[in-house]
Amino acid sequence: MVYAKHRTMPTPVQLRIWRDYIETAEALRTRLTGRLQNESSLSSGDYQVLLALSEAEQHTIRSSELAAMIGWERSRLSHHLGRMEKRQLIRRIPCADAVHGIDVIATDPGLELFRAGSVPHLRAVKEIFIDALSPEQLIQVEDIAIVLRRHLGLDSEVGTRE
């Protein structure tokens, strides 16, 4: 059986499926990132940060929480926030309730750039990903993502079907 779980090493067919998945996911990410950058002057990192801040109460999140939300190391986030701060997309201030914490706040220009960039970005997501799949295939992709996220212990981050 091709998908037998008792093998210690993946079969050639399983490795081909894995490689096809990884290469396709990377191609999707590369195309979406390129379109986002070209159409909005936002990097995918900028977009991730501004998305989280746009959804946060008062557009503010503690930097350690932001790092966890977007899955980045704190040092990577700190460097990226420094670049965003120079472009006046965000501000960093000491937390009012902690000695060592930093709050990250989306600025009005940052939120405006995020909103303006979201329209072409979501259009690209539809054109590059959603339009390529039937409604049934989209549900299959969602089912696979749910299973993988649960397997990786990301249950709390699994979305719900609408």
N, C-alpha and C. Protein backbone atom coordinates (compact mmCIF):
# COMPACT_ATOMS: atom_id res chain seq x y z
N MET A 1 0.84 -1.18 0.00
CA MET A 1 0.00 0.00 0.00
C MET A 1 0.89 1.25 0.00
N VAL A 2 0.60 2.20 -0.82
CA VAL A 2 1.39 3.40 -1.00
C VAL A 2 1.41 4.27 0.26
N TYR A 3 0.31 4.36 0.97
CA TYR A 3 0.19 5.27 2.10
C TYR A 3 0.32 4.58 3.45
N ALA A 4 0.95 3.39 3.49
CA ALA A 4 1.09 2.65 4.74
C ALA A 4 1.82 3.47 5.79
N LYS A 5 1.26 3.51 7.01
CA LYS A 5 1.86 4.30 8.09
C LYS A 5 2.97 3.55 8.81
N HIS A 6 3.09 2.25 8.63
CA HIS A 6 4.06 1.46 9.38
C HIS A 6 5.48 1.57 8.85
N ARG A 7 5.68 2.09 7.68
CA ARG A 7 7.03 2.24 7.12
C ARG A 7 7.77 3.32 7.90
N THR A 8 9.08 3.17 8.04
CA THR A 8 9.87 4.19 8.73
C THR A 8 10.32 5.30 7.79
N MET A 9 10.38 5.00 6.51
CA MET A 9 10.79 6.01 5.52
C MET A 9 9.65 6.20 4.51
N PRO A 10 9.52 7.40 3.99
CA PRO A 10 8.47 7.62 2.98
C PRO A 10 8.76 6.82 1.72
N THR A 11 7.69 6.42 1.06
CA THR A 11 7.82 5.73 -0.22
C THR A 11 8.18 6.76 -1.30
N PRO A 12 8.64 6.30 -2.46
CA PRO A 12 8.90 7.25 -3.56
C PRO A 12 7.66 8.07 -3.94
N VAL A 13 6.50 7.44 -3.94
CA VAL A 13 5.25 8.15 -4.26
C VAL A 13 4.97 9.21 -3.20
N GLN A 14 5.12 8.86 -1.92
CA GLN A 14 4.90 9.83 -0.84
C GLN A 14 5.87 11.00 -0.95
N LEU A 15 7.12 10.71 -1.29
CA LEU A 15 8.11 11.78 -1.45
C LEU A 15 7.77 12.69 -2.63
N ARG A 16 7.26 12.10 -3.72
CA ARG A 16 6.85 12.92 -4.86
C ARG A 16 5.70 13.84 -4.48
N ILE A 17 4.72 13.31 -3.74
CA ILE A 17 3.57 14.12 -3.29
C ILE A 17 4.06 15.24 -2.38
N TRP A 18 4.95 14.92 -1.45
CA TRP A 18 5.51 15.92 -0.54
C TRP A 18 6.22 17.03 -1.32
N ARG A 19 7.08 16.61 -2.24
CA ARG A 19 7.85 17.59 -3.01
C ARG A 19 6.92 18.46 -3.87
N ASP A 20 5.92 17.85 -4.50
CA ASP A 20 4.95 18.63 -5.28
C ASP A 20 4.24 19.65 -4.39
N TYR A 21 3.86 19.23 -3.21
CA TYR A 21 3.17 20.13 -2.27
C TYR A 21 4.08 21.31 -1.89
N ILE A 22 5.30 21.02 -1.48
CA ILE A 22 6.24 22.06 -1.03
C ILE A 22 6.56 23.02 -2.18
N GLU A 23 6.86 22.49 -3.35
CA GLU A 23 7.21 23.34 -4.49
C GLU A 23 6.03 24.21 -4.92
N THR A 24 4.83 23.67 -4.87
CA THR A 24 3.64 24.43 -5.24
C THR A 24 3.35 25.51 -4.21
N ALA A 25 3.43 25.17 -2.94
CA ALA A 25 3.20 26.16 -1.88
C ALA A 25 4.21 27.30 -1.98
N GLU A 26 5.45 26.97 -2.28
CA GLU A 26 6.48 28.01 -2.43
C GLU A 26 6.22 28.88 -3.65
N ALA A 27 5.80 28.28 -4.74
CA ALA A 27 5.47 29.05 -5.94
C ALA A 27 4.29 29.99 -5.68
N LEU A 28 3.27 29.51 -4.98
CA LEU A 28 2.14 30.37 -4.60
C LEU A 28 2.62 31.54 -3.75
N ARG A 29 3.42 31.24 -2.73
CA ARG A 29 3.93 32.28 -1.83
C ARG A 29 4.76 33.31 -2.59
N THR A 30 5.62 32.83 -3.48
CA THR A 30 6.49 33.73 -4.26
C THR A 30 5.66 34.65 -5.15
N ARG A 31 4.68 34.09 -5.83
CA ARG A 31 3.84 34.92 -6.71
C ARG A 31 3.01 35.93 -5.92
N LEU A 32 2.44 35.49 -4.81
CA LEU A 32 1.63 36.41 -4.00
C LEU A 32 2.51 37.51 -3.40
N THR A 33 3.68 37.15 -2.93
CA THR A 33 4.61 38.13 -2.35
C THR A 33 5.03 39.15 -3.40
N GLY A 34 5.35 38.67 -4.60
CA GLY A 34 5.75 39.57 -5.67
C GLY A 34 4.65 40.54 -6.06
N ARG A 35 3.44 40.03 -6.16
CA ARG A 35 2.31 40.90 -6.50
C ARG A 35 2.06 41.91 -5.39
N LEU A 36 2.12 41.47 -4.14
CA LEU A 36 1.90 42.37 -3.01
C LEU A 36 2.91 43.50 -3.03
N GLN A 37 4.18 43.16 -3.22
CA GLN A 37 5.24 44.16 -3.24
C GLN A 37 5.06 45.13 -4.41
N ASN A 38 4.74 44.61 -5.59
CA ASN A 38 4.59 45.44 -6.78
C ASN A 38 3.36 46.34 -6.72
N GLU A 39 2.28 45.84 -6.13
CA GLU A 39 1.02 46.57 -6.16
C GLU A 39 0.78 47.44 -4.93
N SER A 40 1.57 47.26 -3.87
CA SER A 40 1.29 48.03 -2.65
C SER A 40 2.52 48.55 -1.93
N SER A 41 3.70 48.18 -2.37
CA SER A 41 4.95 48.54 -1.68
C SER A 41 5.04 47.94 -0.28
N LEU A 42 4.27 46.90 -0.02
CA LEU A 42 4.35 46.18 1.25
C LEU A 42 5.02 44.84 1.03
N SER A 43 5.92 44.47 1.92
CA SER A 43 6.47 43.12 1.90
C SER A 43 5.45 42.20 2.56
N SER A 44 5.64 40.90 2.40
CA SER A 44 4.72 39.98 3.07
C SER A 44 4.84 40.12 4.58
N GLY A 45 6.03 40.42 5.08
CA GLY A 45 6.21 40.66 6.51
C GLY A 45 5.47 41.88 6.98
N ASP A 46 5.56 42.98 6.21
CA ASP A 46 4.80 44.19 6.53
C ASP A 46 3.32 43.85 6.62
N TYR A 47 2.85 43.10 5.64
CA TYR A 47 1.42 42.77 5.58
C TYR A 47 1.01 41.94 6.79
N GLN A 48 1.82 40.95 7.17
CA GLN A 48 1.51 40.12 8.33
C GLN A 48 1.40 40.98 9.59
N VAL A 49 2.37 41.85 9.79
CA VAL A 49 2.39 42.71 10.97
C VAL A 49 1.18 43.63 10.97
N LEU A 50 0.93 44.30 9.85
CA LEU A 50 -0.18 45.25 9.78
C LEU A 50 -1.54 44.55 9.86
N LEU A 51 -1.64 43.34 9.33
CA LEU A 51 -2.89 42.58 9.46
C LEU A 51 -3.18 42.32 10.94
N ALA A 52 -2.19 41.83 11.66
CA ALA A 52 -2.38 41.56 13.09
C ALA A 52 -2.74 42.83 13.85
N LEU A 53 -2.05 43.92 13.55
CA LEU A 53 -2.34 45.19 14.23
C LEU A 53 -3.70 45.74 13.84
N SER A 54 -4.11 45.56 12.59
CA SER A 54 -5.41 46.08 12.15
C SER A 54 -6.56 45.39 12.87
N GLU A 55 -6.34 44.14 13.29
CA GLU A 55 -7.38 43.36 13.97
C GLU A 55 -7.33 43.51 15.48
N ALA A 56 -6.26 44.11 16.00
CA ALA A 56 -6.08 44.23 17.45
C ALA A 56 -6.84 45.43 18.02
N GLU A 57 -7.21 45.31 19.27
CA GLU A 57 -7.87 46.43 19.96
C GLU A 57 -6.93 47.63 19.97
N GLN A 58 -7.44 48.76 19.55
CA GLN A 58 -6.69 50.01 19.45
C GLN A 58 -5.45 49.86 18.56
N HIS A 59 -5.46 48.87 17.68
CA HIS A 59 -4.37 48.63 16.72
C HIS A 59 -3.03 48.50 17.42
N THR A 60 -3.04 47.89 18.61
CA THR A 60 -1.84 47.78 19.45
C THR A 60 -1.69 46.35 19.95
N ILE A 61 -0.46 45.83 19.88
CA ILE A 61 -0.14 44.49 20.39
C ILE A 61 1.24 44.55 21.02
N ARG A 62 1.40 43.86 22.12
CA ARG A 62 2.72 43.72 22.74
C ARG A 62 3.62 42.97 21.76
N SER A 63 4.86 43.39 21.63
CA SER A 63 5.75 42.80 20.62
C SER A 63 5.93 41.30 20.80
N SER A 64 6.01 40.82 22.04
CA SER A 64 6.17 39.38 22.26
C SER A 64 4.95 38.61 21.77
N GLU A 65 3.75 39.17 21.96
CA GLU A 65 2.53 38.54 21.48
C GLU A 65 2.47 38.57 19.95
N LEU A 66 2.91 39.68 19.37
CA LEU A 66 2.93 39.79 17.92
C LEU A 66 3.87 38.75 17.31
N ALA A 67 5.03 38.57 17.91
CA ALA A 67 5.98 37.57 17.41
C ALA A 67 5.35 36.18 17.44
N ALA A 68 4.66 35.85 18.52
CA ALA A 68 4.00 34.55 18.63
C ALA A 68 2.87 34.42 17.61
N MET A 69 2.11 35.49 17.42
CA MET A 69 0.98 35.46 16.48
C MET A 69 1.42 35.17 15.05
N ILE A 70 2.50 35.77 14.63
CA ILE A 70 2.92 35.61 13.24
C ILE A 70 4.02 34.56 13.08
N GLY A 71 4.43 33.95 14.19
CA GLY A 71 5.38 32.84 14.14
C GLY A 71 6.81 33.25 13.84
N TRP A 72 7.21 34.40 14.33
CA TRP A 72 8.57 34.90 14.11
C TRP A 72 9.36 34.88 15.40
N GLU A 73 10.68 34.73 15.27
CA GLU A 73 11.58 34.91 16.41
C GLU A 73 11.51 36.39 16.81
N ARG A 74 11.69 36.67 18.09
CA ARG A 74 11.63 38.06 18.55
C ARG A 74 12.67 38.95 17.88
N SER A 75 13.88 38.42 17.66
CA SER A 75 14.92 39.24 17.05
C SER A 75 14.57 39.59 15.61
N ARG A 76 14.01 38.63 14.87
CA ARG A 76 13.59 38.91 13.50
C ARG A 76 12.51 40.00 13.50
N LEU A 77 11.54 39.86 14.41
CA LEU A 77 10.47 40.84 14.48
C LEU A 77 11.02 42.22 14.84
N SER A 78 11.93 42.27 15.79
CA SER A 78 12.50 43.55 16.21
C SER A 78 13.17 44.27 15.05
N HIS A 79 13.95 43.54 14.27
CA HIS A 79 14.61 44.14 13.11
C HIS A 79 13.59 44.62 12.08
N HIS A 80 12.58 43.80 11.85
CA HIS A 80 11.57 44.18 10.86
C HIS A 80 10.77 45.40 11.34
N LEU A 81 10.43 45.41 12.62
CA LEU A 81 9.69 46.56 13.16
C LEU A 81 10.52 47.83 13.06
N GLY A 82 11.83 47.72 13.21
CA GLY A 82 12.70 48.88 13.06
C GLY A 82 12.60 49.46 11.67
N ARG A 83 12.56 48.58 10.67
CA ARG A 83 12.43 49.06 9.29
C ARG A 83 11.05 49.67 9.05
N MET A 84 10.02 49.06 9.62
CA MET A 84 8.67 49.59 9.47
C MET A 84 8.52 50.93 10.19
N GLU A 85 9.18 51.05 11.32
CA GLU A 85 9.11 52.31 12.09
C GLU A 85 9.78 53.45 11.31
N LYS A 86 10.88 53.16 10.64
CA LYS A 86 11.55 54.18 9.81
C LYS A 86 10.65 54.65 8.68
N ARG A 87 9.79 53.77 8.19
CA ARG A 87 8.84 54.12 7.13
C ARG A 87 7.54 54.69 7.71
N GLN A 88 7.48 54.83 9.03
CA GLN A 88 6.35 55.39 9.76
C GLN A 88 5.06 54.57 9.60
N LEU A 89 5.22 53.25 9.46
CA LEU A 89 4.07 52.35 9.38
C LEU A 89 3.60 51.92 10.76
N ILE A 90 4.53 51.90 11.71
CA ILE A 90 4.23 51.51 13.10
C ILE A 90 5.01 52.42 14.04
N ARG A 91 4.61 52.38 15.32
CA ARG A 91 5.39 53.01 16.39
C ARG A 91 5.59 51.96 17.48
N ARG A 92 6.70 52.08 18.20
CA ARG A 92 6.95 51.21 19.34
C ARG A 92 7.09 52.09 20.58
N ILE A 93 6.37 51.71 21.62
CA ILE A 93 6.46 52.44 22.88
C ILE A 93 6.55 51.43 24.03
N PRO A 94 7.16 51.84 25.16
CA PRO A 94 7.19 50.93 26.31
C PRO A 94 5.78 50.63 26.79
N CYS A 95 5.54 49.38 27.20
CA CYS A 95 4.23 48.99 27.74
C CYS A 95 3.97 49.78 29.02
N ALA A 96 2.76 50.22 29.17
CA ALA A 96 2.37 50.96 30.37
C ALA A 96 2.37 50.05 31.60
N ASP A 97 2.10 48.76 31.41
CA ASP A 97 1.95 47.85 32.54
C ASP A 97 3.15 46.93 32.78
N ALA A 98 4.27 47.14 32.08
CA ALA A 98 5.43 46.27 32.25
C ALA A 98 6.72 47.07 32.04
N VAL A 99 7.74 46.70 32.77
CA VAL A 99 9.01 47.40 32.69
C VAL A 99 9.73 47.11 31.38
N HIS A 100 9.69 45.86 30.92
CA HIS A 100 10.49 45.46 29.77
C HIS A 100 9.71 45.29 28.47
N GLY A 101 8.40 45.34 28.52
CA GLY A 101 7.60 45.08 27.33
C GLY A 101 7.53 46.28 26.39
N ILE A 102 7.28 45.98 25.12
CA ILE A 102 7.12 47.01 24.10
C ILE A 102 5.77 46.80 23.42
N ASP A 103 5.01 47.88 23.30
CA ASP A 103 3.78 47.84 22.53
C ASP A 103 4.08 48.29 21.11
N VAL A 104 3.48 47.60 20.15
CA VAL A 104 3.60 47.97 18.74
C VAL A 104 2.25 48.53 18.32
N ILE A 105 2.28 49.72 17.74
CA ILE A 105 1.05 50.41 17.36
C ILE A 105 1.09 50.72 15.87
N ALA A 106 0.02 50.39 15.17
CA ALA A 106 -0.09 50.75 13.76
C ALA A 106 -0.37 52.24 13.67
N THR A 107 0.35 52.94 12.81
CA THR A 107 0.10 54.36 12.58
C THR A 107 -1.02 54.52 11.56
N ASP A 108 -1.58 55.71 11.47
CA ASP A 108 -2.60 55.97 10.45
C ASP A 108 -2.06 55.72 9.04
N PRO A 109 -0.85 56.21 8.72
CA PRO A 109 -0.32 55.89 7.37
C PRO A 109 -0.11 54.38 7.17
N GLY A 110 0.28 53.67 8.22
CA GLY A 110 0.46 52.22 8.11
C GLY A 110 -0.86 51.51 7.84
N LEU A 111 -1.90 51.91 8.57
CA LEU A 111 -3.21 51.30 8.37
C LEU A 111 -3.77 51.65 6.99
N GLU A 112 -3.53 52.87 6.54
CA GLU A 112 -4.01 53.27 5.21
C GLU A 112 -3.30 52.46 4.12
N LEU A 113 -1.99 52.29 4.25
CA LEU A 113 -1.24 51.50 3.27
C LEU A 113 -1.71 50.04 3.30
N PHE A 114 -1.97 49.53 4.50
CA PHE A 114 -2.48 48.16 4.64
C PHE A 114 -3.83 48.02 3.93
N ARG A 115 -4.76 48.95 4.19
CA ARG A 115 -6.08 48.89 3.56
C ARG A 115 -5.97 48.97 2.04
N ALA A 116 -5.15 49.89 1.57
CA ALA A 116 -4.97 50.05 0.13
C ALA A 116 -4.33 48.81 -0.49
N GLY A 117 -3.41 48.19 0.22
CA GLY A 117 -2.74 46.99 -0.28
C GLY A 117 -3.59 45.75 -0.20
N SER A 118 -4.58 45.74 0.69
CA SER A 118 -5.41 44.55 0.86
C SER A 118 -6.26 44.25 -0.36
N VAL A 119 -6.76 45.27 -1.02
CA VAL A 119 -7.62 45.04 -2.19
C VAL A 119 -6.86 44.29 -3.29
N PRO A 120 -5.72 44.79 -3.76
CA PRO A 120 -5.01 44.02 -4.80
C PRO A 120 -4.48 42.68 -4.28
N HIS A 121 -4.12 42.62 -3.00
CA HIS A 121 -3.62 41.36 -2.45
C HIS A 121 -4.72 40.30 -2.44
N LEU A 122 -5.89 40.66 -1.99
CA LEU A 122 -6.99 39.70 -1.96
C LEU A 122 -7.43 39.32 -3.38
N ARG A 123 -7.33 40.26 -4.31
CA ARG A 123 -7.61 39.95 -5.71
C ARG A 123 -6.60 38.92 -6.22
N ALA A 124 -5.33 39.08 -5.85
CA ALA A 124 -4.29 38.13 -6.27
C ALA A 124 -4.53 36.76 -5.64
N VAL A 125 -4.93 36.71 -4.38
CA VAL A 125 -5.24 35.43 -3.73
C VAL A 125 -6.34 34.72 -4.50
N LYS A 126 -7.37 35.47 -4.90
CA LYS A 126 -8.47 34.87 -5.66
C LYS A 126 -7.99 34.37 -7.02
N GLU A 127 -7.24 35.20 -7.74
CA GLU A 127 -6.78 34.82 -9.09
C GLU A 127 -5.79 33.66 -9.07
N ILE A 128 -4.86 33.70 -8.15
CA ILE A 128 -3.76 32.73 -8.15
C ILE A 128 -4.13 31.42 -7.46
N PHE A 129 -4.97 31.49 -6.43
CA PHE A 129 -5.28 30.29 -5.64
C PHE A 129 -6.73 29.85 -5.79
N ILE A 130 -7.65 30.70 -5.39
CA ILE A 130 -9.06 30.30 -5.32
C ILE A 130 -9.63 29.93 -6.69
N ASP A 131 -9.36 30.76 -7.70
CA ASP A 131 -9.93 30.51 -9.04
C ASP A 131 -9.39 29.23 -9.67
N ALA A 132 -8.26 28.73 -9.23
CA ALA A 132 -7.69 27.51 -9.79
C ALA A 132 -8.40 26.25 -9.30
N LEU A 133 -9.19 26.38 -8.24
CA LEU A 133 -9.79 25.21 -7.60
C LEU A 133 -11.32 25.26 -7.68
N SER A 134 -11.92 24.08 -7.74
CA SER A 134 -13.38 23.99 -7.67
C SER A 134 -13.79 24.19 -6.20
N PRO A 135 -15.07 24.47 -5.96
CA PRO A 135 -15.52 24.57 -4.57
C PRO A 135 -15.22 23.30 -3.76
N GLU A 136 -15.36 22.15 -4.39
CA GLU A 136 -15.08 20.89 -3.70
C GLU A 136 -13.59 20.77 -3.37
N GLN A 137 -12.73 21.19 -4.30
CA GLN A 137 -11.29 21.14 -4.05
C GLN A 137 -10.89 22.10 -2.93
N LEU A 138 -11.52 23.27 -2.87
CA LEU A 138 -11.23 24.21 -1.78
C LEU A 138 -11.56 23.58 -0.43
N ILE A 139 -12.68 22.86 -0.37
CA ILE A 139 -13.05 22.18 0.88
C ILE A 139 -12.02 21.10 1.21
N GLN A 140 -11.53 20.39 0.19
CA GLN A 140 -10.49 19.38 0.43
C GLN A 140 -9.21 20.02 0.96
N VAL A 141 -8.82 21.16 0.38
CA VAL A 141 -7.62 21.87 0.86
C VAL A 141 -7.83 22.28 2.32
N GLU A 142 -9.01 22.78 2.63
CA GLU A 142 -9.30 23.17 4.01
C GLU A 142 -9.21 21.97 4.95
N ASP A 143 -9.79 20.84 4.54
CA ASP A 143 -9.75 19.63 5.36
C ASP A 143 -8.31 19.19 5.61
N ILE A 144 -7.49 19.23 4.57
CA ILE A 144 -6.08 18.85 4.71
C ILE A 144 -5.36 19.82 5.65
N ALA A 145 -5.62 21.11 5.49
CA ALA A 145 -4.98 22.10 6.36
C ALA A 145 -5.37 21.88 7.81
N ILE A 146 -6.63 21.57 8.07
CA ILE A 146 -7.10 21.33 9.44
C ILE A 146 -6.38 20.13 10.04
N VAL A 147 -6.28 19.04 9.28
CA VAL A 147 -5.61 17.84 9.77
C VAL A 147 -4.14 18.14 10.06
N LEU A 148 -3.47 18.83 9.15
CA LEU A 148 -2.05 19.15 9.36
C LEU A 148 -1.86 20.07 10.56
N ARG A 149 -2.72 21.09 10.71
CA ARG A 149 -2.59 22.01 11.84
C ARG A 149 -2.81 21.28 13.17
N ARG A 150 -3.77 20.39 13.20
CA ARG A 150 -4.00 19.60 14.43
C ARG A 150 -2.80 18.72 14.73
N HIS A 151 -2.26 18.09 13.68
CA HIS A 151 -1.09 17.22 13.84
C HIS A 151 0.11 18.01 14.38
N LEU A 152 0.21 19.27 13.99
CA LEU A 152 1.31 20.13 14.44
C LEU A 152 1.02 20.84 15.76
N GLY A 153 -0.15 20.57 16.34
CA GLY A 153 -0.50 21.20 17.61
C GLY A 153 -0.95 22.64 17.47
N LEU A 154 -1.48 22.99 16.31
CA LEU A 154 -1.95 24.35 16.07
C LEU A 154 -3.48 24.42 16.12
N ASP A 155 -4.10 23.55 16.92
CA ASP A 155 -5.57 23.43 16.98
C ASP A 155 -6.24 24.78 17.23
N SER A 156 -5.69 25.59 18.11
CA SER A 156 -6.34 26.85 18.46
C SER A 156 -6.33 27.82 17.28
N GLU A 157 -5.51 27.56 16.28
CA GLU A 157 -5.40 28.46 15.14
C GLU A 157 -6.19 27.96 13.93
N VAL A 158 -6.94 26.87 14.10
CA VAL A 158 -7.70 26.32 13.00
C VAL A 158 -8.98 27.12 12.82
N GLY A 159 -9.22 27.53 11.58
CA GLY A 159 -10.42 28.31 11.27
C GLY A 159 -11.65 27.45 11.23
N THR A 160 -12.79 28.08 11.00
CA THR A 160 -14.04 27.36 10.88
C THR A 160 -14.64 27.64 9.51
N ARG A 161 -15.33 26.65 9.00
CA ARG A 161 -15.95 26.78 7.69
C ARG A 161 -17.15 27.69 7.77
N GLU A 162 -17.28 28.56 6.76
CA GLU A 162 -18.45 29.44 6.71
C GLU A 162 -19.43 28.96 5.68
